N, C-alpha and C. Protein backbone atom coordinates (compact mmCIF):
# COMPACT_ATOMS: atom_id res chain seq x y z
N MET A 1 -3.56 6.86 -24.63
CA MET A 1 -3.50 6.97 -23.19
C MET A 1 -3.27 8.44 -22.82
N LYS A 2 -4.12 8.95 -21.90
CA LYS A 2 -3.96 10.32 -21.44
C LYS A 2 -2.70 10.42 -20.58
N LEU A 3 -2.10 11.61 -20.56
CA LEU A 3 -0.90 11.83 -19.78
C LEU A 3 -1.11 11.49 -18.30
N ALA A 4 -2.30 11.83 -17.78
CA ALA A 4 -2.59 11.56 -16.36
C ALA A 4 -2.65 10.07 -16.06
N ASP A 5 -2.89 9.22 -17.08
CA ASP A 5 -2.99 7.78 -16.88
C ASP A 5 -1.63 7.09 -16.89
N ARG A 6 -0.58 7.80 -17.34
CA ARG A 6 0.76 7.20 -17.37
C ARG A 6 1.24 6.97 -15.95
N ASN A 7 1.94 5.87 -15.76
CA ASN A 7 2.51 5.54 -14.45
C ASN A 7 1.44 5.41 -13.37
N ARG A 8 0.23 5.02 -13.78
CA ARG A 8 -0.87 4.79 -12.84
C ARG A 8 -1.15 3.29 -12.80
N TYR A 9 -1.35 2.78 -11.58
CA TYR A 9 -1.57 1.36 -11.38
C TYR A 9 -2.87 1.18 -10.60
N VAL A 10 -3.76 0.31 -11.09
CA VAL A 10 -5.01 0.00 -10.42
C VAL A 10 -5.00 -1.50 -10.15
N PHE A 11 -5.08 -1.87 -8.89
CA PHE A 11 -4.97 -3.29 -8.51
C PHE A 11 -5.62 -3.55 -7.16
N GLU A 12 -5.91 -4.83 -6.91
CA GLU A 12 -6.45 -5.24 -5.61
C GLU A 12 -5.30 -5.59 -4.67
N ALA A 13 -5.52 -5.30 -3.39
CA ALA A 13 -4.52 -5.58 -2.36
C ALA A 13 -5.23 -5.75 -1.03
N THR A 14 -4.46 -6.15 -0.02
CA THR A 14 -4.96 -6.25 1.35
C THR A 14 -4.15 -5.30 2.20
N LEU A 15 -4.84 -4.47 2.99
CA LEU A 15 -4.12 -3.53 3.85
C LEU A 15 -3.38 -4.31 4.92
N ASP A 16 -2.17 -3.84 5.23
CA ASP A 16 -1.29 -4.57 6.13
C ASP A 16 -0.62 -3.59 7.07
N GLY A 17 0.04 -4.11 8.09
CA GLY A 17 0.80 -3.27 9.01
C GLY A 17 -0.11 -2.43 9.88
N PHE A 18 0.48 -1.40 10.49
CA PHE A 18 -0.29 -0.47 11.30
C PHE A 18 -1.16 0.37 10.38
N ILE A 19 -2.43 0.52 10.71
CA ILE A 19 -3.36 1.26 9.85
C ILE A 19 -4.04 2.35 10.66
N ASN A 20 -3.94 3.57 10.17
CA ASN A 20 -4.69 4.71 10.70
C ASN A 20 -5.10 5.54 9.50
N VAL A 21 -6.36 5.44 9.09
CA VAL A 21 -6.85 6.24 7.97
C VAL A 21 -7.93 7.22 8.43
N PHE A 22 -8.09 7.36 9.74
CA PHE A 22 -9.14 8.21 10.31
C PHE A 22 -8.74 9.67 10.38
N GLU A 23 -7.69 9.98 11.13
CA GLU A 23 -7.22 11.37 11.26
C GLU A 23 -5.75 11.37 11.64
N ASP A 24 -5.09 12.50 11.35
CA ASP A 24 -3.68 12.63 11.68
C ASP A 24 -3.47 12.42 13.18
N SER A 25 -2.46 11.60 13.52
CA SER A 25 -2.16 11.36 14.93
C SER A 25 -0.78 10.73 15.05
N GLY A 26 -0.36 10.50 16.28
CA GLY A 26 0.90 9.82 16.55
C GLY A 26 2.09 10.74 16.52
N LYS A 27 3.26 10.13 16.64
CA LYS A 27 4.53 10.85 16.71
C LYS A 27 4.75 11.76 15.51
N PHE A 28 4.36 11.28 14.31
CA PHE A 28 4.60 12.06 13.09
C PHE A 28 3.36 12.82 12.62
N ASN A 29 2.28 12.79 13.41
CA ASN A 29 1.04 13.50 13.10
C ASN A 29 0.59 13.21 11.66
N ASN A 30 0.39 11.93 11.37
CA ASN A 30 -0.01 11.54 10.02
C ASN A 30 -0.98 10.37 10.07
N ARG A 31 -1.35 9.89 8.88
CA ARG A 31 -2.15 8.68 8.71
C ARG A 31 -1.34 7.72 7.86
N CYS A 32 -1.61 6.42 7.97
CA CYS A 32 -0.78 5.47 7.23
C CYS A 32 -1.47 4.12 7.05
N PHE A 33 -0.98 3.38 6.07
CA PHE A 33 -1.33 1.98 5.85
C PHE A 33 -0.27 1.39 4.95
N SER A 34 -0.23 0.07 4.88
CA SER A 34 0.73 -0.63 4.03
C SER A 34 -0.02 -1.55 3.09
N PHE A 35 0.60 -1.82 1.94
CA PHE A 35 0.05 -2.76 0.97
C PHE A 35 1.20 -3.33 0.17
N VAL A 36 0.93 -4.40 -0.58
CA VAL A 36 1.94 -5.04 -1.42
C VAL A 36 1.51 -4.93 -2.87
N PHE A 37 2.43 -4.44 -3.72
CA PHE A 37 2.19 -4.42 -5.16
C PHE A 37 2.08 -5.86 -5.66
N PRO A 38 1.06 -6.20 -6.47
CA PRO A 38 1.06 -7.51 -7.12
C PRO A 38 2.27 -7.60 -8.06
N LYS A 39 2.75 -8.81 -8.31
CA LYS A 39 3.97 -9.02 -9.10
C LYS A 39 3.94 -8.29 -10.45
N ALA A 40 2.84 -8.39 -11.20
CA ALA A 40 2.76 -7.75 -12.52
C ALA A 40 2.83 -6.23 -12.40
N GLU A 41 2.15 -5.67 -11.41
CA GLU A 41 2.17 -4.21 -11.22
C GLU A 41 3.54 -3.75 -10.73
N LEU A 42 4.19 -4.58 -9.90
CA LEU A 42 5.53 -4.24 -9.41
C LEU A 42 6.52 -4.16 -10.58
N GLU A 43 6.42 -5.11 -11.51
CA GLU A 43 7.30 -5.09 -12.68
C GLU A 43 7.07 -3.83 -13.52
N LYS A 44 5.79 -3.44 -13.69
CA LYS A 44 5.49 -2.22 -14.44
C LYS A 44 6.04 -1.00 -13.70
N ALA A 45 5.85 -0.96 -12.38
CA ALA A 45 6.32 0.18 -11.58
C ALA A 45 7.84 0.31 -11.65
N GLU A 46 8.55 -0.81 -11.61
CA GLU A 46 10.01 -0.78 -11.67
C GLU A 46 10.48 -0.30 -13.05
N ALA A 47 9.82 -0.75 -14.12
CA ALA A 47 10.18 -0.30 -15.47
C ALA A 47 9.88 1.19 -15.63
N ASP A 48 8.72 1.62 -15.14
CA ASP A 48 8.36 3.04 -15.21
C ASP A 48 9.35 3.89 -14.41
N ARG A 49 9.78 3.37 -13.27
CA ARG A 49 10.72 4.12 -12.41
C ARG A 49 12.00 4.45 -13.17
N GLU A 50 12.52 3.49 -13.95
CA GLU A 50 13.75 3.75 -14.71
C GLU A 50 13.56 4.93 -15.67
N GLU A 51 12.43 4.95 -16.37
CA GLU A 51 12.14 6.04 -17.30
C GLU A 51 11.97 7.37 -16.55
N LEU A 52 11.28 7.33 -15.41
CA LEU A 52 11.07 8.54 -14.62
C LEU A 52 12.38 9.07 -14.04
N LEU A 53 13.28 8.18 -13.63
CA LEU A 53 14.58 8.60 -13.10
C LEU A 53 15.44 9.27 -14.18
N GLU A 54 15.37 8.75 -15.40
CA GLU A 54 16.11 9.38 -16.51
C GLU A 54 15.62 10.81 -16.72
N TRP A 55 14.31 10.99 -16.68
CA TRP A 55 13.74 12.33 -16.84
C TRP A 55 14.21 13.23 -15.70
N ALA A 56 14.14 12.72 -14.44
CA ALA A 56 14.53 13.50 -13.28
C ALA A 56 16.00 13.89 -13.34
N LYS A 57 16.86 12.96 -13.76
CA LYS A 57 18.30 13.27 -13.87
C LYS A 57 18.54 14.39 -14.88
N SER A 58 17.75 14.41 -15.95
CA SER A 58 17.93 15.46 -16.97
C SER A 58 17.55 16.84 -16.43
N LYS A 59 16.78 16.89 -15.34
CA LYS A 59 16.36 18.17 -14.75
C LYS A 59 17.24 18.58 -13.57
N ALA A 60 18.12 17.69 -13.12
CA ALA A 60 18.99 17.98 -11.97
C ALA A 60 20.06 18.99 -12.38
N PRO A 61 20.57 19.78 -11.40
CA PRO A 61 21.61 20.77 -11.71
C PRO A 61 22.88 20.15 -12.30
N ASN A 62 23.25 18.96 -11.83
CA ASN A 62 24.43 18.27 -12.34
C ASN A 62 24.05 16.81 -12.59
N PRO A 63 23.51 16.51 -13.78
CA PRO A 63 22.99 15.17 -14.06
C PRO A 63 23.97 14.02 -13.85
N ARG A 64 25.28 14.28 -14.00
CA ARG A 64 26.26 13.20 -13.84
C ARG A 64 26.57 12.90 -12.38
N ARG A 65 26.15 13.77 -11.46
CA ARG A 65 26.46 13.57 -10.04
C ARG A 65 25.18 13.45 -9.20
N CYS A 66 24.17 12.83 -9.76
CA CYS A 66 22.89 12.66 -9.06
C CYS A 66 22.96 11.52 -8.05
N GLU A 67 22.32 11.74 -6.94
CA GLU A 67 22.11 10.67 -5.96
C GLU A 67 20.70 10.16 -6.18
N VAL A 68 20.55 8.86 -6.38
CA VAL A 68 19.24 8.26 -6.64
C VAL A 68 18.68 7.71 -5.33
N ALA A 69 17.48 8.19 -4.97
CA ALA A 69 16.82 7.73 -3.75
C ALA A 69 16.35 6.28 -3.90
N LEU A 70 16.19 5.61 -2.78
CA LEU A 70 15.69 4.24 -2.79
C LEU A 70 14.24 4.20 -3.28
N THR A 71 13.81 3.03 -3.74
CA THR A 71 12.41 2.87 -4.15
C THR A 71 11.50 3.00 -2.94
N LYS A 72 10.25 3.29 -3.18
CA LYS A 72 9.26 3.40 -2.10
C LYS A 72 8.69 2.04 -1.72
N TRP A 73 9.22 0.98 -2.32
CA TRP A 73 8.79 -0.38 -2.00
C TRP A 73 10.02 -1.23 -1.74
N ASP A 74 9.82 -2.34 -1.00
CA ASP A 74 10.93 -3.25 -0.75
C ASP A 74 10.96 -4.35 -1.81
N GLU A 75 11.82 -5.36 -1.60
CA GLU A 75 12.00 -6.43 -2.60
C GLU A 75 10.72 -7.19 -2.88
N GLU A 76 9.84 -7.32 -1.88
CA GLU A 76 8.58 -8.04 -2.06
C GLU A 76 7.46 -7.15 -2.59
N GLY A 77 7.73 -5.85 -2.75
CA GLY A 77 6.71 -4.92 -3.23
C GLY A 77 5.91 -4.26 -2.12
N LEU A 78 6.34 -4.41 -0.86
CA LEU A 78 5.64 -3.81 0.27
C LEU A 78 5.85 -2.29 0.26
N VAL A 79 4.75 -1.55 0.34
CA VAL A 79 4.78 -0.09 0.39
C VAL A 79 4.18 0.34 1.72
N LYS A 80 4.89 1.19 2.44
CA LYS A 80 4.37 1.79 3.67
C LYS A 80 4.00 3.22 3.29
N TYR A 81 2.71 3.46 3.15
CA TYR A 81 2.22 4.75 2.65
C TYR A 81 1.73 5.62 3.81
N SER A 82 2.20 6.86 3.85
CA SER A 82 1.74 7.79 4.88
C SER A 82 1.36 9.11 4.22
N TYR A 83 0.44 9.82 4.86
CA TYR A 83 -0.05 11.10 4.34
C TYR A 83 -0.61 11.90 5.51
N SER A 84 -0.84 13.19 5.27
CA SER A 84 -1.36 14.03 6.36
C SER A 84 -2.08 15.24 5.78
N ASP A 85 -2.79 15.94 6.67
CA ASP A 85 -3.47 17.17 6.27
C ASP A 85 -2.48 18.25 5.85
N GLU A 86 -1.23 18.14 6.32
CA GLU A 86 -0.20 19.12 5.97
C GLU A 86 0.20 19.02 4.49
N LYS A 87 0.02 17.83 3.90
CA LYS A 87 0.32 17.61 2.49
C LYS A 87 -0.91 16.96 1.85
N PRO A 88 -1.97 17.76 1.59
CA PRO A 88 -3.24 17.19 1.13
C PRO A 88 -3.19 16.50 -0.23
N LYS A 89 -2.15 16.73 -1.04
CA LYS A 89 -2.06 16.07 -2.34
C LYS A 89 -1.96 14.56 -2.19
N GLY A 90 -1.44 14.07 -1.08
CA GLY A 90 -1.26 12.65 -0.87
C GLY A 90 -2.44 11.95 -0.21
N ILE A 91 -3.51 12.67 0.09
CA ILE A 91 -4.66 12.07 0.78
C ILE A 91 -5.56 11.36 -0.23
N PRO A 92 -5.73 10.04 -0.06
CA PRO A 92 -6.59 9.30 -1.01
C PRO A 92 -8.07 9.49 -0.70
N ILE A 93 -8.90 9.25 -1.70
CA ILE A 93 -10.35 9.24 -1.52
C ILE A 93 -10.76 7.79 -1.26
N PHE A 94 -11.56 7.56 -0.23
CA PHE A 94 -12.03 6.23 0.12
C PHE A 94 -13.48 6.08 -0.34
N VAL A 95 -13.75 5.01 -1.11
CA VAL A 95 -15.10 4.72 -1.58
C VAL A 95 -15.44 3.25 -1.31
N ASP A 96 -16.77 2.97 -1.36
CA ASP A 96 -17.20 1.57 -1.23
C ASP A 96 -17.31 0.97 -2.63
N THR A 97 -17.86 -0.23 -2.73
CA THR A 97 -17.91 -0.92 -4.02
C THR A 97 -18.92 -0.33 -4.99
N GLU A 98 -19.77 0.58 -4.51
CA GLU A 98 -20.69 1.28 -5.40
C GLU A 98 -20.17 2.66 -5.78
N GLY A 99 -18.96 2.99 -5.33
CA GLY A 99 -18.37 4.29 -5.63
C GLY A 99 -18.83 5.40 -4.70
N GLN A 100 -19.52 5.05 -3.61
CA GLN A 100 -19.99 6.03 -2.64
C GLN A 100 -18.87 6.35 -1.64
N LEU A 101 -18.73 7.63 -1.31
CA LEU A 101 -17.72 8.02 -0.32
C LEU A 101 -17.97 7.32 1.00
N ILE A 102 -16.90 6.90 1.64
CA ILE A 102 -16.99 6.23 2.93
C ILE A 102 -17.07 7.30 4.02
N ASP A 103 -18.00 7.11 4.98
CA ASP A 103 -18.12 8.04 6.09
C ASP A 103 -16.87 8.03 6.95
N LYS A 104 -16.54 9.18 7.51
CA LYS A 104 -15.36 9.29 8.36
C LYS A 104 -15.44 8.34 9.55
N ALA A 105 -16.64 8.12 10.09
CA ALA A 105 -16.81 7.23 11.24
C ALA A 105 -16.40 5.80 10.89
N VAL A 106 -16.57 5.38 9.65
CA VAL A 106 -16.18 4.04 9.23
C VAL A 106 -14.66 3.94 9.11
N LEU A 107 -14.00 5.01 8.64
CA LEU A 107 -12.54 5.00 8.49
C LEU A 107 -11.83 4.72 9.80
N LYS A 108 -12.44 5.14 10.88
CA LYS A 108 -11.83 4.95 12.20
C LYS A 108 -11.62 3.47 12.50
N ASP A 109 -12.44 2.61 11.89
CA ASP A 109 -12.40 1.18 12.19
C ASP A 109 -11.70 0.33 11.15
N VAL A 110 -11.12 0.91 10.11
CA VAL A 110 -10.42 0.11 9.09
C VAL A 110 -9.21 -0.55 9.75
N ARG A 111 -9.08 -1.85 9.55
CA ARG A 111 -8.00 -2.60 10.18
C ARG A 111 -7.24 -3.45 9.18
N LYS A 112 -6.14 -4.02 9.65
CA LYS A 112 -5.32 -4.94 8.87
C LYS A 112 -6.22 -6.06 8.34
N GLY A 113 -6.02 -6.42 7.08
CA GLY A 113 -6.83 -7.47 6.47
C GLY A 113 -7.95 -6.94 5.60
N THR A 114 -8.20 -5.63 5.62
CA THR A 114 -9.23 -5.06 4.77
C THR A 114 -8.81 -5.21 3.32
N LYS A 115 -9.69 -5.80 2.50
CA LYS A 115 -9.39 -5.99 1.07
C LYS A 115 -9.83 -4.75 0.32
N VAL A 116 -8.93 -4.22 -0.53
CA VAL A 116 -9.16 -2.97 -1.23
C VAL A 116 -8.73 -3.05 -2.68
N LYS A 117 -9.18 -2.09 -3.47
CA LYS A 117 -8.64 -1.85 -4.80
C LYS A 117 -8.03 -0.45 -4.70
N LEU A 118 -6.81 -0.30 -5.22
CA LEU A 118 -6.07 0.95 -5.09
C LEU A 118 -5.80 1.59 -6.45
N ILE A 119 -5.76 2.92 -6.46
CA ILE A 119 -5.24 3.68 -7.60
C ILE A 119 -3.95 4.31 -7.09
N VAL A 120 -2.82 3.90 -7.66
CA VAL A 120 -1.51 4.40 -7.23
C VAL A 120 -0.84 5.09 -8.41
N GLN A 121 -0.37 6.32 -8.21
CA GLN A 121 0.31 7.09 -9.24
C GLN A 121 1.77 7.25 -8.86
N GLN A 122 2.68 6.97 -9.77
CA GLN A 122 4.12 7.15 -9.53
C GLN A 122 4.58 8.37 -10.32
N GLY A 123 5.37 9.23 -9.66
CA GLY A 123 5.88 10.41 -10.33
C GLY A 123 7.31 10.72 -9.90
N PRO A 124 8.06 11.45 -10.73
CA PRO A 124 9.45 11.76 -10.40
C PRO A 124 9.58 13.00 -9.53
N TYR A 125 10.72 13.12 -8.87
CA TYR A 125 11.03 14.39 -8.19
C TYR A 125 12.53 14.65 -8.28
N VAL A 126 12.87 15.94 -8.19
CA VAL A 126 14.25 16.39 -8.17
C VAL A 126 14.37 17.33 -6.97
N PHE A 127 15.29 17.03 -6.07
CA PHE A 127 15.53 17.87 -4.91
C PHE A 127 17.03 18.11 -4.84
N GLY A 128 17.48 19.22 -5.44
CA GLY A 128 18.92 19.46 -5.56
C GLY A 128 19.51 18.42 -6.50
N ASN A 129 20.53 17.69 -6.03
CA ASN A 129 21.12 16.60 -6.83
C ASN A 129 20.55 15.24 -6.48
N LYS A 130 19.49 15.21 -5.67
CA LYS A 130 18.84 13.94 -5.33
C LYS A 130 17.61 13.77 -6.21
N VAL A 131 17.51 12.60 -6.85
CA VAL A 131 16.36 12.30 -7.70
C VAL A 131 15.71 11.00 -7.23
N GLY A 132 14.43 10.87 -7.52
CA GLY A 132 13.72 9.65 -7.13
C GLY A 132 12.31 9.69 -7.66
N THR A 133 11.52 8.73 -7.21
CA THR A 133 10.10 8.72 -7.55
C THR A 133 9.29 8.64 -6.27
N ARG A 134 8.09 9.19 -6.32
CA ARG A 134 7.16 9.13 -5.20
C ARG A 134 5.92 8.39 -5.64
N LEU A 135 5.23 7.80 -4.68
CA LEU A 135 3.96 7.15 -4.95
C LEU A 135 2.86 7.94 -4.26
N LEU A 136 1.77 8.18 -4.98
CA LEU A 136 0.59 8.79 -4.40
C LEU A 136 -0.57 7.82 -4.57
N VAL A 137 -1.20 7.47 -3.47
CA VAL A 137 -2.41 6.65 -3.54
C VAL A 137 -3.56 7.63 -3.76
N LYS A 138 -4.15 7.59 -4.94
CA LYS A 138 -5.21 8.53 -5.31
C LYS A 138 -6.58 8.09 -4.82
N GLY A 139 -6.81 6.78 -4.78
CA GLY A 139 -8.11 6.28 -4.35
C GLY A 139 -8.00 4.91 -3.74
N VAL A 140 -8.92 4.64 -2.80
CA VAL A 140 -9.01 3.34 -2.13
C VAL A 140 -10.47 2.91 -2.17
N GLN A 141 -10.73 1.78 -2.81
CA GLN A 141 -12.07 1.22 -2.83
C GLN A 141 -12.07 0.04 -1.87
N ILE A 142 -12.90 0.12 -0.84
CA ILE A 142 -12.97 -0.97 0.14
C ILE A 142 -13.88 -2.06 -0.43
N ILE A 143 -13.30 -3.24 -0.63
CA ILE A 143 -14.04 -4.38 -1.18
C ILE A 143 -14.56 -5.26 -0.05
N GLU A 144 -13.72 -5.53 0.94
CA GLU A 144 -14.13 -6.31 2.10
C GLU A 144 -13.56 -5.65 3.34
N LEU A 145 -14.44 -5.14 4.17
CA LEU A 145 -14.04 -4.37 5.34
C LEU A 145 -13.74 -5.27 6.52
N ALA A 146 -12.51 -5.15 7.04
CA ALA A 146 -12.16 -5.87 8.26
C ALA A 146 -12.59 -5.02 9.45
N SER A 147 -13.16 -3.81 9.16
CA SER A 147 -13.76 -2.93 10.16
C SER A 147 -13.48 -1.45 9.89
N GLY A 148 -14.25 -0.64 9.06
CA GLY A 148 -13.94 0.77 8.88
C GLY A 148 -14.69 1.68 7.93
N ASN A 149 -14.26 3.07 7.79
CA ASN A 149 -14.93 4.07 6.93
C ASN A 149 -14.29 5.46 6.94
N GLY A 150 -14.42 6.36 5.86
CA GLY A 150 -13.97 7.76 5.81
C GLY A 150 -13.56 8.26 4.45
N SER A 151 -13.53 9.62 4.24
CA SER A 151 -13.08 10.14 2.96
C SER A 151 -12.54 11.55 3.09
N VAL A 152 -11.63 11.89 2.19
CA VAL A 152 -11.02 13.21 2.17
C VAL A 152 -10.66 13.57 0.74
N ASP A 153 -10.10 14.74 0.51
CA ASP A 153 -9.70 15.19 -0.82
C ASP A 153 -8.44 14.45 -1.28
N SER A 154 -8.38 14.10 -2.56
CA SER A 154 -7.20 13.39 -3.07
C SER A 154 -6.38 14.26 -4.01
N GLY A 155 -6.42 15.55 -3.82
CA GLY A 155 -5.63 16.41 -4.71
C GLY A 155 -6.42 16.75 -5.95
N ASP A 156 -5.88 16.38 -7.13
CA ASP A 156 -6.51 16.78 -8.38
C ASP A 156 -7.54 15.79 -8.90
N MET A 157 -7.85 14.74 -8.15
CA MET A 157 -8.90 13.80 -8.57
C MET A 157 -10.13 14.01 -7.69
N SER A 158 -11.30 14.11 -8.31
CA SER A 158 -12.53 14.26 -7.55
C SER A 158 -13.04 12.88 -7.14
N ALA A 159 -14.00 12.87 -6.26
CA ALA A 159 -14.61 11.61 -5.84
C ALA A 159 -15.24 10.91 -7.05
N ASP A 160 -15.84 11.68 -7.97
CA ASP A 160 -16.43 11.10 -9.18
C ASP A 160 -15.37 10.45 -10.06
N ASP A 161 -14.17 11.07 -10.16
CA ASP A 161 -13.07 10.50 -10.95
C ASP A 161 -12.64 9.15 -10.38
N VAL A 162 -12.50 9.08 -9.05
CA VAL A 162 -12.10 7.83 -8.40
C VAL A 162 -13.16 6.76 -8.63
N ALA A 163 -14.44 7.11 -8.43
CA ALA A 163 -15.52 6.14 -8.63
C ALA A 163 -15.58 5.66 -10.07
N ALA A 164 -15.31 6.55 -11.04
CA ALA A 164 -15.35 6.17 -12.46
C ALA A 164 -14.24 5.18 -12.80
N ILE A 165 -13.05 5.35 -12.23
CA ILE A 165 -11.94 4.44 -12.49
C ILE A 165 -12.22 3.07 -11.88
N PHE A 166 -12.76 3.04 -10.65
CA PHE A 166 -13.04 1.77 -9.99
C PHE A 166 -14.23 1.05 -10.60
N GLY A 167 -15.30 1.78 -10.92
CA GLY A 167 -16.53 1.13 -11.36
C GLY A 167 -17.17 0.42 -10.18
N SER A 168 -18.09 -0.51 -10.43
CA SER A 168 -18.75 -1.27 -9.37
C SER A 168 -18.19 -2.69 -9.32
N THR A 169 -18.20 -3.26 -8.13
CA THR A 169 -17.76 -4.63 -7.94
C THR A 169 -18.54 -5.22 -6.78
N THR A 170 -18.44 -6.50 -6.58
CA THR A 170 -19.14 -7.18 -5.49
C THR A 170 -18.35 -6.98 -4.21
N GLY A 171 -19.05 -6.70 -3.10
CA GLY A 171 -18.37 -6.57 -1.82
C GLY A 171 -19.00 -5.53 -0.92
N PHE A 172 -18.20 -4.91 -0.07
CA PHE A 172 -18.66 -3.97 0.95
C PHE A 172 -19.46 -2.82 0.37
N LYS A 173 -20.65 -2.60 0.94
CA LYS A 173 -21.49 -1.45 0.58
C LYS A 173 -21.87 -0.75 1.88
N GLN A 174 -21.56 0.52 1.95
CA GLN A 174 -21.88 1.28 3.14
C GLN A 174 -23.38 1.26 3.41
N SER A 175 -24.20 1.29 2.36
CA SER A 175 -25.66 1.32 2.51
C SER A 175 -26.24 -0.02 2.93
N ASP A 176 -25.47 -1.13 2.79
CA ASP A 176 -25.96 -2.47 3.10
C ASP A 176 -24.84 -3.33 3.66
N PRO A 177 -24.38 -3.06 4.91
CA PRO A 177 -23.27 -3.83 5.46
C PRO A 177 -23.65 -5.28 5.71
N GLN A 178 -22.72 -6.18 5.47
CA GLN A 178 -22.90 -7.62 5.71
C GLN A 178 -21.82 -8.06 6.68
N VAL A 179 -21.99 -7.77 7.94
CA VAL A 179 -20.97 -8.02 8.95
C VAL A 179 -20.87 -9.52 9.23
N ARG A 180 -19.64 -10.03 9.31
CA ARG A 180 -19.38 -11.42 9.65
C ARG A 180 -18.08 -11.46 10.44
N LYS A 181 -17.84 -12.58 11.09
CA LYS A 181 -16.62 -12.73 11.88
C LYS A 181 -15.42 -12.80 10.94
N ALA A 182 -14.37 -12.06 11.26
CA ALA A 182 -13.15 -12.07 10.46
C ALA A 182 -12.51 -13.44 10.52
N GLU A 183 -11.83 -13.83 9.43
CA GLU A 183 -11.13 -15.11 9.40
C GLU A 183 -9.97 -15.08 10.37
N GLU A 184 -9.82 -16.18 11.09
CA GLU A 184 -8.72 -16.29 12.04
C GLU A 184 -7.41 -16.50 11.29
N VAL A 185 -6.35 -15.84 11.74
CA VAL A 185 -5.03 -16.00 11.16
C VAL A 185 -4.18 -16.77 12.16
N ASP A 186 -3.55 -17.87 11.72
CA ASP A 186 -2.69 -18.65 12.60
C ASP A 186 -1.50 -17.81 13.01
N ALA A 187 -1.31 -17.70 14.30
CA ALA A 187 -0.16 -16.94 14.80
C ALA A 187 1.10 -17.79 14.65
N GLU A 188 2.14 -17.18 14.11
CA GLU A 188 3.41 -17.88 13.96
C GLU A 188 4.17 -17.82 15.28
N PRO A 189 4.84 -18.90 15.65
CA PRO A 189 5.60 -18.86 16.90
C PRO A 189 6.72 -17.81 16.80
N THR A 190 6.93 -17.13 17.89
CA THR A 190 7.99 -16.14 17.92
C THR A 190 9.14 -16.67 18.75
N ASP A 191 10.33 -16.19 18.42
CA ASP A 191 11.51 -16.59 19.19
C ASP A 191 11.40 -16.01 20.59
N THR A 192 11.79 -16.80 21.58
CA THR A 192 11.80 -16.31 22.95
C THR A 192 13.24 -16.23 23.43
N TYR A 193 13.45 -15.38 24.36
CA TYR A 193 14.79 -15.18 24.89
C TYR A 193 14.76 -15.38 26.39
N ASP A 194 15.70 -16.15 26.89
CA ASP A 194 15.84 -16.33 28.33
C ASP A 194 16.83 -15.31 28.84
N PHE A 195 16.42 -14.56 29.84
CA PHE A 195 17.31 -13.57 30.41
C PHE A 195 17.73 -13.95 31.78
């Protein structure tokens, strides 16, 4: 296994939460989406995190007095990922199922429910006496588009590298879209309050 492949996870997921993968905007001037680690990948990520934290503690100025940051995922494996042009290393490359870069105009329409395959890299950091791990989404392959398109630089991985890791699969192709009505999701009743 190459060093670059360590602590790397490739898995299918569905985009969730607020999604903006088009351009930096909003209060924090960034882009964002959420996804859930599959159970097997979450277990690997948690085991890798322990090893990465040990390494980070050994690099801290006072290893016995380190503050350990929280994980980037919650108990269910939900990750809220954000990135911006100000920190281009965190910008993922978006491709279709043939490995072709997604047009920026399509990214504007990516919505909750889009089925994707992700390349996620976990790495350690040391900031004074605080240690932790960060997640970088290196690539996003859109398998089933709930509505969208776009691509940008992903740091040290080229578009060809992302396409080679994903390979080809059945699903969304920018060159041959198969538009259909999205599946309806039953709305759960919400609590109401009488004022």
